[in-house]
Amino acid sequence: MAEYVVVHELVHLHEPHHTPIFWRRLERAMPDYEQRKGWLARHGVEVEGV
C-alpha cells in the first residue's frame, strides 16, 4: 500500500492542494486509489493529511 502514498505525493508535485483537479489526476494515475485508501484506513493508517 506504500504505492498509494508515493503516487499521492507525486501528484502533489503538479497540484499542491486537494482540489478536484488533484483527485482527477490521482484517479488517472491510480484507478484503484479509493480501494487502497480504504484498506489503509481500515488498518489504522490516516491518509487524509497525506
Protein backbone atom coordinates (compact mmCIF):
# COMPACT_ATOMS: atom_id res chain seq x y z
CA MET A 1 0.00 0.00 0.00
CA ALA A 2 3.02 2.28 0.01
CA GLU A 3 2.24 2.87 -3.67
CA TYR A 4 -0.77 4.97 -2.63
CA VAL A 5 1.40 7.32 -0.59
CA VAL A 6 4.08 7.56 -3.28
CA VAL A 7 1.60 8.26 -6.08
CA HIS A 8 -0.33 10.70 -3.87
CA GLU A 9 2.85 12.68 -3.21
CA LEU A 10 3.91 12.59 -6.85
CA VAL A 11 0.56 14.04 -7.88
CA HIS A 12 1.14 16.80 -5.30
CA LEU A 13 4.18 17.87 -7.32
CA HIS A 14 1.78 19.02 -10.04
CA GLU A 15 -1.20 20.03 -7.90
CA PRO A 16 -0.25 21.01 -4.34
CA HIS A 17 -3.80 21.20 -2.93
CA HIS A 18 -6.60 18.65 -2.71
CA THR A 19 -8.66 20.28 -5.43
CA PRO A 20 -10.92 18.42 -7.88
CA ILE A 21 -8.01 18.56 -10.36
CA PHE A 22 -5.77 16.82 -7.83
CA TRP A 23 -8.28 13.98 -7.33
CA ARG A 24 -8.77 13.54 -11.10
CA ARG A 25 -5.01 13.30 -11.60
CA LEU A 26 -4.71 10.80 -8.76
CA GLU A 27 -7.53 8.71 -10.20
CA ARG A 28 -5.85 8.69 -13.63
CA ALA A 29 -2.52 7.68 -12.08
CA MET A 30 -4.04 5.05 -9.77
CA PRO A 31 -7.58 4.00 -10.74
CA ASP A 32 -7.98 1.88 -7.60
CA TYR A 33 -6.88 4.62 -5.19
CA GLU A 34 -10.19 4.57 -3.27
CA GLN A 35 -9.74 0.86 -2.50
CA ARG A 36 -6.16 1.43 -1.40
CA LYS A 37 -7.17 4.41 0.72
CA GLY A 38 -9.93 2.33 2.33
CA TRP A 39 -7.54 -0.52 3.09
CA LEU A 40 -5.12 1.86 4.77
CA ALA A 41 -7.91 3.44 6.83
CA ARG A 42 -9.18 0.01 7.96
CA HIS A 43 -5.69 -0.82 9.14
CA GLY A 44 -5.25 2.35 11.16
CA VAL A 45 -3.32 4.48 8.68
CA GLU A 46 -4.61 8.05 8.35
CA VAL A 47 -4.27 9.17 4.75
CA GLU A 48 -6.39 12.31 4.59
CA GLY A 49 -3.49 14.53 5.61
CA VAL A 50 -1.02 12.79 3.33
